[in-house]
Structure formats: C-alpha cells, structure tokens
Amino acid sequence: MTRPGAAVRPSERVAPPAWSWALAPAAAVSLAAFLLFAAQAPAAGYAVLAAGVVGAFALDRALGKDLGLIALGIAIVSTTSVEADLEWGRFFTLGVVLTLAVLVPFAVDRFVLRRRAIIFPWRSGRSWPPMEKAYLLLVPFLGWALLPFYFIRSGAYLNWPDITTGSELARFFVGVNAVGTWDELFFICTCFALLRRHFPVWQANVLQATIFVSFLWELGYREWGPAFTIPFALLQGYIFTRTRSLTYVLVVHLLFDAIVFLAIVHAHNPEMFRIFVY
C-alpha cells in the first residue's frame, strides 16, 4: 500500500480513459493560456481559466486540484508582460514572476495538498543510450539550419530588442538560458506532469503544448514561429515521457536556445556570429 503523500510509481497508476469529459475543463485551461498570452484578451482569458477550474472540481476533485495548480501558475505569469525586454527593471520583474509561477504551485502541492505530484527528476537512474546522445548533436544542427532563416526572413528577430552593449548581450544570454530552463520546469515538470495524471500521454502533450506555444508567442516567436514551436513543445513532452529525465530535456532545450541566442544577436548585428546560411 502506498503511504499518504508518497509519490506513486507509474506502474501503480490506473491508466486514464482514452476519452473523458475531463478533457473539457483541461482544454479550457489551455485555451485560457492562449487568450492571455497569445490573443492578449485578459478578461476572456481569466473567465475561461476560472470556468475550467470550476468545471474540473465539479467533475472530479483530484482533477480540480491539478488544473487549479496549472491555472495558478498561468495566472501568476499573466500578471506581467513576457515580451522580450532587456531593460533592467523588466529583466528582474520577469525573473521574479516566472520563479513564483514555478515555486507557488510546487509549494501548494507539497505543503498544502501534502503530495508529490510536482517533482523535478534531475536524475533518471539510467545512462543516455546512443540514440539520445546522437539527438543532442542533431538539435544544434537543426537550429543552425532553420532558426536564422525563420528569424531573419520573417522579421521575427525584431520582436527582440536590439543589442548594442556588452551588458545587454550578457543580460540576453542569461535571459535566454533562464527562460529556457523555466520552460521545462513549468510546462513539462508542472503542466505536463499534472495533466498526465488524468489523460493519455498524447492528450496531455497537446494540452501542455498549447500553453507552451501561447507563452512563446507572447515572448516573441510570432509570424510563422508556431511552425517551429509547436513541434518543439510536443517533442519535449514526448522526450520527457521516454527519458523521465529533466536533465536530458533541459540539455536539449538549452542547446537549441544557444542557437536562438546566436541567431538573434546575428540578425541585429550581422557582423557578429557569421556562421549562418539563410
């Protein structure tokens, strides 16, 4: 028997049904993220977010708790603009808000609900097989081949501020890596992990990817950015399911973001990082 509050091993969980009414409130929470971040419609976004959580509690208390934690994180992020900005005040404000969006749901889960539904599995207990190591080499190559073309040809690089000083370059580097790390802590280890408790993997993945891509749209991945961000978000959820390793998905993400950093800096300053073909 599993003691109260203990983590439940995947083999001990009852498989979620292929389809259920629970999808309706979960989809509402994901839609709310789209309304809040991508559509910039806060009134509709908060209304849909509240309706999703209330509907979840009406269907199942456990579902309501988990969607409530996701909604709490989304609501915290929505208190400030997440558009890329290197001004010192915005740099620290966004850092505090994103940190709280991870820490508050984690604290509520651990100390109020007295569970371990949100965890950060840095070590999976297994070595990375050759295929996973090869993928780590493929990721930066794909980024090199695709990202400059997207940022420059679409003009999306203009969604990020021009970098003219060494201080701005350093802040941009820190910001790109910090947000990339936060993405995995919130979208994968929080949203995706909580959704997987109630839905098949593919449904949970689509739901988390909707939230993920909506956030990235406001951040600056606009124009035809979703052609890259949607597959990326889905792949990160799939890889986490296979590896059960936050370390691995984070390495993948930061390798990709290294190319994001270089490509955006190059787009604003063509004399820098002349390594791209577009």
C-alpha atoms as a PDB file:
ATOM      1  CA  MET A   1       0.000   0.000   0.000  1.00  0.00           C
ATOM      2  CA  THR A   2       1.258   3.494  -0.848  1.00  0.00           C
ATOM      3  CA  ARG A   3       1.543   5.757   2.191  1.00  0.00           C
ATOM      4  CA  PRO A   4      -0.373   9.080   2.096  1.00  0.00           C
ATOM      5  CA  GLY A   5       1.522  11.831   0.314  1.00  0.00           C
ATOM      6  CA  ALA A   6       4.022   9.464  -1.278  1.00  0.00           C
ATOM      7  CA  ALA A   7       4.807   9.588  -4.963  1.00  0.00           C
ATOM      8  CA  VAL A   8       3.000   6.942  -6.965  1.00  0.00           C
ATOM      9  CA  ARG A   9       5.153   4.975  -9.361  1.00  0.00           C
ATOM     10  CA  PRO A  10       3.947   4.976 -12.994  1.00  0.00           C
ATOM     11  CA  SER A  11       3.340   1.224 -12.812  1.00  0.00           C
ATOM     12  CA  GLU A  12       0.914   1.768  -9.911  1.00  0.00           C
ATOM     13  CA  ARG A  13      -1.269   4.326 -11.638  1.00  0.00           C
ATOM     14  CA  VAL A  14      -4.546   3.376 -13.234  1.00  0.00           C
ATOM     15  CA  ALA A  15      -4.394   4.114 -16.952  1.00  0.00           C
ATOM     16  CA  PRO A  16      -6.577   7.137 -17.796  1.00  0.00           C
ATOM     17  CA  PRO A  17      -9.507   6.595 -20.162  1.00  0.00           C
ATOM     18  CA  ALA A  18      -8.956   7.250 -23.861  1.00  0.00           C
ATOM     19  CA  TRP A  19     -11.653   9.948 -23.806  1.00  0.00           C
ATOM     20  CA  SER A  20     -13.458  11.606 -20.926  1.00  0.00           C
ATOM     21  CA  TRP A  21     -15.429  14.704 -20.021  1.00  0.00           C
ATOM     22  CA  ALA A  22     -12.365  15.812 -18.071  1.00  0.00           C
ATOM     23  CA  LEU A  23     -10.929  16.998 -21.387  1.00  0.00           C
ATOM     24  CA  ALA A  24     -13.404  19.899 -21.453  1.00  0.00           C
ATOM     25  CA  PRO A  25     -12.106  21.787 -18.380  1.00  0.00           C
ATOM     26  CA  ALA A  26      -8.493  20.890 -19.225  1.00  0.00           C
ATOM     27  CA  ALA A  27      -8.957  22.286 -22.725  1.00  0.00           C
ATOM     28  CA  ALA A  28     -10.488  25.418 -21.179  1.00  0.00           C
ATOM     29  CA  VAL A  29      -7.361  25.962 -19.062  1.00  0.00           C
ATOM     30  CA  SER A  30      -5.142  25.565 -22.140  1.00  0.00           C
ATOM     31  CA  LEU A  31      -7.416  27.878 -24.145  1.00  0.00           C
ATOM     32  CA  ALA A  32      -7.181  30.435 -21.350  1.00  0.00           C
ATOM     33  CA  ALA A  33      -3.389  30.455 -21.770  1.00  0.00           C
ATOM     34  CA  PHE A  34      -3.876  31.175 -25.474  1.00  0.00           C
ATOM     35  CA  LEU A  35      -6.255  34.032 -24.672  1.00  0.00           C
ATOM     36  CA  LEU A  36      -3.986  35.507 -22.001  1.00  0.00           C
ATOM     37  CA  PHE A  37      -0.611  35.186 -23.745  1.00  0.00           C
ATOM     38  CA  ALA A  38      -1.200  34.994 -27.493  1.00  0.00           C
ATOM     39  CA  ALA A  39      -4.522  36.792 -28.015  1.00  0.00           C
ATOM     40  CA  GLN A  40      -3.904  39.361 -25.256  1.00  0.00           C
ATOM     41  CA  ALA A  41      -7.539  39.109 -24.122  1.00  0.00           C
ATOM     42  CA  PRO A  42      -7.281  39.114 -20.315  1.00  0.00           C
ATOM     43  CA  ALA A  43     -10.985  39.401 -19.487  1.00  0.00           C
ATOM     44  CA  ALA A  44     -11.894  36.397 -21.627  1.00  0.00           C
ATOM     45  CA  GLY A  45      -8.747  34.554 -20.528  1.00  0.00           C
ATOM     46  CA  TYR A  46      -9.424  34.814 -16.800  1.00  0.00           C
ATOM     47  CA  ALA A  47     -13.088  33.920 -17.303  1.00  0.00           C
ATOM     48  CA  VAL A  48     -12.210  30.775 -19.263  1.00  0.00           C
ATOM     49  CA  LEU A  49      -9.455  29.906 -16.767  1.00  0.00           C
ATOM     50  CA  ALA A  50     -11.870  30.137 -13.833  1.00  0.00           C
ATOM     51  CA  ALA A  51     -14.523  28.178 -15.716  1.00  0.00           C
ATOM     52  CA  GLY A  52     -12.025  25.419 -16.445  1.00  0.00           C
ATOM     53  CA  VAL A  53     -11.015  25.039 -12.804  1.00  0.00           C
ATOM     54  CA  VAL A  54     -14.588  25.201 -11.506  1.00  0.00           C
ATOM     55  CA  GLY A  55     -15.690  22.679 -14.125  1.00  0.00           C
ATOM     56  CA  ALA A  56     -12.833  20.392 -13.163  1.00  0.00           C
ATOM     57  CA  PHE A  57     -13.833  20.417  -9.485  1.00  0.00           C
ATOM     58  CA  ALA A  58     -17.426  19.699 -10.491  1.00  0.00           C
ATOM     59  CA  LEU A  59     -16.271  16.586 -12.348  1.00  0.00           C
ATOM     60  CA  ASP A  60     -13.523  15.308 -10.081  1.00  0.00           C
ATOM     61  CA  ARG A  61     -11.821  16.800  -7.039  1.00  0.00           C
ATOM     62  CA  ALA A  62      -8.390  15.428  -7.965  1.00  0.00           C
ATOM     63  CA  LEU A  63      -8.671  16.899 -11.459  1.00  0.00           C
ATOM     64  CA  GLY A  64      -9.720  20.224  -9.954  1.00  0.00           C
ATOM     65  CA  LYS A  65      -6.660  20.315  -7.704  1.00  0.00           C
ATOM     66  CA  ASP A  66      -4.271  19.598 -10.571  1.00  0.00           C
ATOM     67  CA  LEU A  67      -5.840  22.014 -13.040  1.00  0.00           C
ATOM     68  CA  GLY A  68      -6.005  24.537 -10.219  1.00  0.00           C
ATOM     69  CA  LEU A  69      -2.216  24.337  -9.812  1.00  0.00           C
ATOM     70  CA  ILE A  70      -1.700  24.805 -13.549  1.00  0.00           C
ATOM     71  CA  ALA A  71      -4.140  27.724 -13.554  1.00  0.00           C
ATOM     72  CA  LEU A  72      -2.341  29.248 -10.589  1.00  0.00           C
ATOM     73  CA  GLY A  73       0.961  29.215 -12.483  1.00  0.00           C
ATOM     74  CA  ILE A  74      -0.652  30.629 -15.624  1.00  0.00           C
ATOM     75  CA  ALA A  75      -2.330  33.393 -13.623  1.00  0.00           C
ATOM     76  CA  ILE A  76       0.964  34.356 -11.971  1.00  0.00           C
ATOM     77  CA  VAL A  77       2.739  34.586 -15.347  1.00  0.00           C
ATOM     78  CA  SER A  78      -0.117  36.681 -16.740  1.00  0.00           C
ATOM     79  CA  THR A  79       0.481  39.423 -14.143  1.00  0.00           C
ATOM     80  CA  THR A  80       3.278  40.861 -16.278  1.00  0.00           C
ATOM     81  CA  SER A  81       4.203  41.100 -19.940  1.00  0.00           C
ATOM     82  CA  VAL A  82       6.558  38.347 -21.054  1.00  0.00           C
ATOM     83  CA  GLU A  83       7.625  40.157 -24.227  1.00  0.00           C
ATOM     84  CA  ALA A  84      11.409  40.151 -24.558  1.00  0.00           C
ATOM     85  CA  ASP A  85      12.840  43.233 -22.852  1.00  0.00           C
ATOM     86  CA  LEU A  86      16.433  43.826 -21.685  1.00  0.00           C
ATOM     87  CA  GLU A  87      15.724  46.899 -19.550  1.00  0.00           C
ATOM     88  CA  TRP A  88      16.984  46.183 -16.010  1.00  0.00           C
ATOM     89  CA  GLY A  89      13.612  46.651 -14.290  1.00  0.00           C
ATOM     90  CA  ARG A  90      11.790  44.344 -16.685  1.00  0.00           C
ATOM     91  CA  PHE A  91      14.653  41.836 -16.546  1.00  0.00           C
ATOM     92  CA  PHE A  92      14.278  41.382 -12.786  1.00  0.00           C
ATOM     93  CA  THR A  93      10.473  41.660 -12.754  1.00  0.00           C
ATOM     94  CA  LEU A  94      10.084  38.874 -15.270  1.00  0.00           C
ATOM     95  CA  GLY A  95      12.603  36.744 -13.390  1.00  0.00           C
ATOM     96  CA  VAL A  96      10.666  37.087 -10.138  1.00  0.00           C
ATOM     97  CA  VAL A  97       7.295  36.388 -11.773  1.00  0.00           C
ATOM     98  CA  LEU A  98       8.494  33.285 -13.615  1.00  0.00           C
ATOM     99  CA  THR A  99      10.160  31.971 -10.475  1.00  0.00           C
ATOM    100  CA  LEU A 100       6.947  32.385  -8.489  1.00  0.00           C
ATOM    101  CA  ALA A 101       4.963  30.644 -11.254  1.00  0.00           C
ATOM    102  CA  VAL A 102       7.013  27.511 -10.584  1.00  0.00           C
ATOM    103  CA  LEU A 103       7.558  27.798  -6.842  1.00  0.00           C
ATOM    104  CA  VAL A 104       3.997  28.653  -5.768  1.00  0.00           C
ATOM    105  CA  PRO A 105       2.271  25.624  -7.410  1.00  0.00           C
ATOM    106  CA  PHE A 106       5.130  23.430  -6.140  1.00  0.00           C
ATOM    107  CA  ALA A 107       4.722  24.763  -2.593  1.00  0.00           C
ATOM    108  CA  VAL A 108       0.943  24.337  -2.673  1.00  0.00           C
ATOM    109  CA  ASP A 109       1.319  20.776  -3.941  1.00  0.00           C
ATOM    110  CA  ARG A 110       3.939  19.879  -1.337  1.00  0.00           C
ATOM    111  CA  PHE A 111       2.830  21.773   1.773  1.00  0.00           C
ATOM    112  CA  VAL A 112      -0.903  22.440   1.355  1.00  0.00           C
ATOM    113  CA  LEU A 113      -2.080  19.378  -0.569  1.00  0.00           C
ATOM    114  CA  ARG A 114       0.724  17.290   1.019  1.00  0.00           C
ATOM    115  CA  ARG A 115       1.520  15.395  -2.171  1.00  0.00           C
ATOM    116  CA  ARG A 116       4.446  14.946  -4.522  1.00  0.00           C
ATOM    117  CA  ALA A 117       2.624  15.393  -7.823  1.00  0.00           C
ATOM    118  CA  ILE A 118       5.131  18.037  -8.946  1.00  0.00           C
ATOM    119  CA  ILE A 119       8.728  16.821  -8.915  1.00  0.00           C
ATOM    120  CA  PHE A 120      11.867  17.753 -10.810  1.00  0.00           C
ATOM    121  CA  PRO A 121      13.591  14.487 -11.783  1.00  0.00           C
ATOM    122  CA  TRP A 122      17.142  15.649 -12.495  1.00  0.00           C
ATOM    123  CA  ARG A 123      18.436  12.081 -12.494  1.00  0.00           C
ATOM    124  CA  SER A 124      16.600   9.246 -14.240  1.00  0.00           C
ATOM    125  CA  GLY A 125      18.840   6.494 -12.882  1.00  0.00           C
ATOM    126  CA  ARG A 126      19.960   5.360 -16.318  1.00  0.00           C
ATOM    127  CA  SER A 127      22.609   6.355 -18.829  1.00  0.00           C
ATOM    128  CA  TRP A 128      21.664   8.001 -22.095  1.00  0.00           C
ATOM    129  CA  PRO A 129      21.670   5.466 -24.960  1.00  0.00           C
ATOM    130  CA  PRO A 130      23.475   6.217 -28.257  1.00  0.00           C
ATOM    131  CA  MET A 131      20.280   7.428 -29.952  1.00  0.00           C
ATOM    132  CA  GLU A 132      19.703  10.062 -27.274  1.00  0.00           C
ATOM    133  CA  LYS A 133      23.327  11.180 -27.444  1.00  0.00           C
ATOM    134  CA  ALA A 134      23.058  11.447 -31.234  1.00  0.00           C
ATOM    135  CA  TYR A 135      19.950  13.601 -30.856  1.00  0.00           C
ATOM    136  CA  LEU A 136      21.972  16.041 -28.751  1.00  0.00           C
ATOM    137  CA  LEU A 137      24.245  16.519 -31.767  1.00  0.00           C
ATOM    138  CA  LEU A 138      21.311  16.850 -34.151  1.00  0.00           C
ATOM    139  CA  VAL A 139      19.496  19.562 -32.161  1.00  0.00           C
ATOM    140  CA  PRO A 140      22.047  22.393 -32.611  1.00  0.00           C
ATOM    141  CA  PHE A 141      22.499  21.449 -36.273  1.00  0.00           C
ATOM    142  CA  LEU A 142      18.749  21.729 -36.885  1.00  0.00           C
ATOM    143  CA  GLY A 143      18.733  25.035 -35.026  1.00  0.00           C
ATOM    144  CA  TRP A 144      21.628  26.324 -37.141  1.00  0.00           C
ATOM    145  CA  ALA A 145      19.863  25.267 -40.340  1.00  0.00           C
ATOM    146  CA  LEU A 146      16.371  26.560 -39.523  1.00  0.00           C
ATOM    147  CA  LEU A 147      16.354  29.316 -36.910  1.00  0.00           C
ATOM    148  CA  PRO A 148      18.269  32.094 -38.744  1.00  0.00           C
ATOM    149  CA  PHE A 149      16.048  31.599 -41.783  1.00  0.00           C
ATOM    150  CA  TYR A 150      12.957  31.957 -39.586  1.00  0.00           C
ATOM    151  CA  PHE A 151      14.128  34.926 -37.526  1.00  0.00           C
ATOM    152  CA  ILE A 152      15.573  36.922 -40.411  1.00  0.00           C
ATOM    153  CA  ARG A 153      13.258  36.065 -43.316  1.00  0.00           C
ATOM    154  CA  SER A 154      10.105  36.558 -41.243  1.00  0.00           C
ATOM    155  CA  GLY A 155      11.415  39.587 -39.387  1.00  0.00           C
ATOM    156  CA  ALA A 156      10.634  37.885 -36.083  1.00  0.00           C
ATOM    157  CA  TYR A 157      14.021  38.924 -34.691  1.00  0.00           C
ATOM    158  CA  LEU A 158      12.571  42.428 -34.384  1.00  0.00           C
ATOM    159  CA  ASN A 159      10.377  41.079 -31.574  1.00  0.00           C
ATOM    160  CA  TRP A 160      13.566  41.083 -29.501  1.00  0.00           C
ATOM    161  CA  PRO A 161      15.300  44.374 -28.609  1.00  0.00           C
ATOM    162  CA  ASP A 162      18.424  45.443 -30.416  1.00  0.00           C
ATOM    163  CA  ILE A 163      21.592  44.548 -28.531  1.00  0.00           C
ATOM    164  CA  THR A 164      24.112  47.371 -28.583  1.00  0.00           C
ATOM    165  CA  THR A 165      26.193  46.978 -25.406  1.00  0.00           C
ATOM    166  CA  GLY A 166      28.120  44.239 -23.646  1.00  0.00           C
ATOM    167  CA  SER A 167      25.744  44.489 -20.689  1.00  0.00           C
ATOM    168  CA  GLU A 168      22.730  43.909 -22.957  1.00  0.00           C
ATOM    169  CA  LEU A 169      24.487  40.959 -24.578  1.00  0.00           C
ATOM    170  CA  ALA A 170      25.165  39.418 -21.161  1.00  0.00           C
ATOM    171  CA  ARG A 171      21.569  40.006 -19.993  1.00  0.00           C
ATOM    172  CA  PHE A 172      20.233  38.487 -23.188  1.00  0.00           C
ATOM    173  CA  PHE A 173      22.412  35.397 -22.760  1.00  0.00           C
ATOM    174  CA  VAL A 174      21.306  34.951 -19.146  1.00  0.00           C
ATOM    175  CA  GLY A 175      17.680  35.630 -20.047  1.00  0.00           C
ATOM    176  CA  VAL A 176      17.576  33.117 -22.904  1.00  0.00           C
ATOM    177  CA  ASN A 177      19.010  30.367 -20.715  1.00  0.00           C
ATOM    178  CA  ALA A 178      16.890  31.277 -17.691  1.00  0.00           C
ATOM    179  CA  VAL A 179      13.646  31.271 -19.672  1.00  0.00           C
ATOM    180  CA  GLY A 180      14.640  28.024 -21.405  1.00  0.00           C
ATOM    181  CA  THR A 181      15.205  26.389 -18.021  1.00  0.00           C
ATOM    182  CA  TRP A 182      11.930  27.782 -16.697  1.00  0.00           C
ATOM    183  CA  ASP A 183      10.071  26.408 -19.723  1.00  0.00           C
ATOM    184  CA  GLU A 184      10.996  22.855 -18.741  1.00  0.00           C
ATOM    185  CA  LEU A 185      10.271  23.371 -15.046  1.00  0.00           C
ATOM    186  CA  PHE A 186       6.814  24.820 -15.712  1.00  0.00           C
ATOM    187  CA  PHE A 187       5.489  23.412 -18.971  1.00  0.00           C
ATOM    188  CA  ILE A 188       6.945  19.919 -18.670  1.00  0.00           C
ATOM    189  CA  CYS A 189       7.529  19.180 -14.975  1.00  0.00           C
ATOM    190  CA  THR A 190       4.439  21.074 -13.805  1.00  0.00           C
ATOM    191  CA  CYS A 191       1.780  21.333 -16.537  1.00  0.00           C
ATOM    192  CA  PHE A 192       2.570  18.147 -18.468  1.00  0.00           C
ATOM    193  CA  ALA A 193       3.212  16.084 -15.339  1.00  0.00           C
ATOM    194  CA  LEU A 194      -0.086  17.147 -13.757  1.00  0.00           C
ATOM    195  CA  LEU A 195      -2.047  16.568 -16.965  1.00  0.00           C
ATOM    196  CA  ARG A 196      -0.570  13.083 -17.374  1.00  0.00           C
ATOM    197  CA  ARG A 197      -2.232  12.083 -14.109  1.00  0.00           C
ATOM    198  CA  HIS A 198      -5.614  12.325 -15.842  1.00  0.00           C
ATOM    199  CA  PHE A 199      -5.108  11.931 -19.594  1.00  0.00           C
ATOM    200  CA  PRO A 200      -3.291   9.694 -22.076  1.00  0.00           C
ATOM    201  CA  VAL A 201       0.170  10.986 -22.906  1.00  0.00           C
ATOM    202  CA  TRP A 202      -0.774  12.361 -26.325  1.00  0.00           C
ATOM    203  CA  GLN A 203      -3.697  14.362 -24.945  1.00  0.00           C
ATOM    204  CA  ALA A 204      -1.643  15.727 -22.051  1.00  0.00           C
ATOM    205  CA  ASN A 205       1.073  16.639 -24.534  1.00  0.00           C
ATOM    206  CA  VAL A 206      -1.278  18.573 -26.818  1.00  0.00           C
ATOM    207  CA  LEU A 207      -2.726  20.415 -23.824  1.00  0.00           C
ATOM    208  CA  GLN A 208       0.689  21.413 -22.449  1.00  0.00           C
ATOM    209  CA  ALA A 209       1.952  22.353 -25.916  1.00  0.00           C
ATOM    210  CA  THR A 210      -0.974  24.758 -26.296  1.00  0.00           C
ATOM    211  CA  ILE A 211       0.080  26.541 -23.109  1.00  0.00           C
ATOM    212  CA  PHE A 212       3.778  26.387 -24.056  1.00  0.00           C
ATOM    213  CA  VAL A 213       3.327  27.781 -27.574  1.00  0.00           C
ATOM    214  CA  SER A 214       0.976  30.531 -26.378  1.00  0.00           C
ATOM    215  CA  PHE A 215       3.643  31.722 -23.943  1.00  0.00           C
ATOM    216  CA  LEU A 216       6.320  31.586 -26.651  1.00  0.00           C
ATOM    217  CA  TRP A 217       4.116  33.647 -28.967  1.00  0.00           C
ATOM    218  CA  GLU A 218       3.967  36.500 -26.467  1.00  0.00           C
ATOM    219  CA  LEU A 219       7.680  36.103 -25.791  1.00  0.00           C
ATOM    220  CA  GLY A 220       8.426  36.830 -29.450  1.00  0.00           C
ATOM    221  CA  TYR A 221       8.101  33.660 -31.534  1.00  0.00           C
ATOM    222  CA  ARG A 222       5.452  35.155 -33.823  1.00  0.00           C
ATOM    223  CA  GLU A 223       4.883  35.355 -37.577  1.00  0.00           C
ATOM    224  CA  TRP A 224       5.299  31.698 -38.591  1.00  0.00           C
ATOM    225  CA  GLY A 225       7.080  30.836 -35.354  1.00  0.00           C
ATOM    226  CA  PRO A 226       4.485  28.202 -34.342  1.00  0.00           C
ATOM    227  CA  ALA A 227       5.751  26.072 -37.243  1.00  0.00           C
ATOM    228  CA  PHE A 228       8.821  25.587 -35.032  1.00  0.00           C
ATOM    229  CA  THR A 229       7.434  25.989 -31.523  1.00  0.00           C
ATOM    230  CA  ILE A 230       4.560  23.509 -31.845  1.00  0.00           C
ATOM    231  CA  PRO A 231       6.776  20.569 -32.928  1.00  0.00           C
ATOM    232  CA  PHE A 232       9.368  21.583 -30.340  1.00  0.00           C
ATOM    233  CA  ALA A 233       6.856  21.652 -27.471  1.00  0.00           C
ATOM    234  CA  LEU A 234       5.376  18.295 -28.495  1.00  0.00           C
ATOM    235  CA  LEU A 235       8.829  16.743 -28.867  1.00  0.00           C
ATOM    236  CA  GLN A 236       9.888  17.934 -25.419  1.00  0.00           C
ATOM    237  CA  GLY A 237       6.827  16.278 -23.864  1.00  0.00           C
ATOM    238  CA  TYR A 238       7.459  13.081 -25.821  1.00  0.00           C
ATOM    239  CA  ILE A 239      11.148  13.004 -24.892  1.00  0.00           C
ATOM    240  CA  PHE A 240      10.357  13.564 -21.209  1.00  0.00           C
ATOM    241  CA  THR A 241       7.907  10.672 -21.333  1.00  0.00           C
ATOM    242  CA  ARG A 242      10.583   8.418 -22.807  1.00  0.00           C
ATOM    243  CA  THR A 243      13.548   9.513 -20.695  1.00  0.00           C
ATOM    244  CA  ARG A 244      11.857  10.627 -17.457  1.00  0.00           C
ATOM    245  CA  SER A 245      14.830  12.953 -17.148  1.00  0.00           C
ATOM    246  CA  LEU A 246      14.554  16.687 -16.613  1.00  0.00           C
ATOM    247  CA  THR A 247      18.305  16.904 -17.183  1.00  0.00           C
ATOM    248  CA  TYR A 248      18.025  15.473 -20.681  1.00  0.00           C
ATOM    249  CA  VAL A 249      15.117  17.638 -21.872  1.00  0.00           C
ATOM    250  CA  LEU A 250      16.842  20.667 -20.363  1.00  0.00           C
ATOM    251  CA  VAL A 251      20.095  19.926 -22.217  1.00  0.00           C
ATOM    252  CA  VAL A 252      18.094  19.604 -25.453  1.00  0.00           C
ATOM    253  CA  HIS A 253      16.342  22.896 -24.795  1.00  0.00           C
ATOM    254  CA  LEU A 254      19.483  24.825 -23.898  1.00  0.00           C
ATOM    255  CA  LEU A 255      21.345  23.513 -26.935  1.00  0.00           C
ATOM    256  CA  PHE A 256      18.504  24.798 -29.096  1.00  0.00           C
ATOM    257  CA  ASP A 257      18.423  28.089 -27.207  1.00  0.00           C
ATOM    258  CA  ALA A 258      22.156  28.539 -27.749  1.00  0.00           C
ATOM    259  CA  ILE A 259      21.387  28.798 -31.461  1.00  0.00           C
ATOM    260  CA  VAL A 260      18.436  31.092 -30.708  1.00  0.00           C
ATOM    261  CA  PHE A 261      20.830  33.429 -28.871  1.00  0.00           C
ATOM    262  CA  LEU A 262      23.414  33.417 -31.655  1.00  0.00           C
ATOM    263  CA  ALA A 263      20.815  33.829 -34.420  1.00  0.00           C
ATOM    264  CA  ILE A 264      19.005  36.781 -32.841  1.00  0.00           C
ATOM    265  CA  VAL A 265      22.252  38.568 -31.987  1.00  0.00           C
ATOM    266  CA  HIS A 266      23.464  37.995 -35.556  1.00  0.00           C
ATOM    267  CA  ALA A 267      20.176  39.242 -37.003  1.00  0.00           C
ATOM    268  CA  HIS A 268      20.544  42.530 -35.113  1.00  0.00           C
ATOM    269  CA  ASN A 269      24.310  42.711 -35.643  1.00  0.00           C
ATOM    270  CA  PRO A 270      25.230  40.964 -38.928  1.00  0.00           C
ATOM    271  CA  GLU A 271      28.931  41.391 -38.243  1.00  0.00           C
ATOM    272  CA  MET A 272      28.647  39.073 -35.233  1.00  0.00           C
ATOM    273  CA  PHE A 273      28.486  35.257 -35.382  1.00  0.00           C
ATOM    274  CA  ARG A 274      28.812  34.945 -39.149  1.00  0.00           C
ATOM    275  CA  ILE A 275      28.190  31.219 -39.104  1.00  0.00           C
ATOM    276  CA  PHE A 276      24.733  31.055 -40.614  1.00  0.00           C
ATOM    277  CA  VAL A 277      23.338  30.466 -44.083  1.00  0.00           C
ATOM    278  CA  TYR A 278      19.897  31.932 -44.808  1.00  0.00           C
END
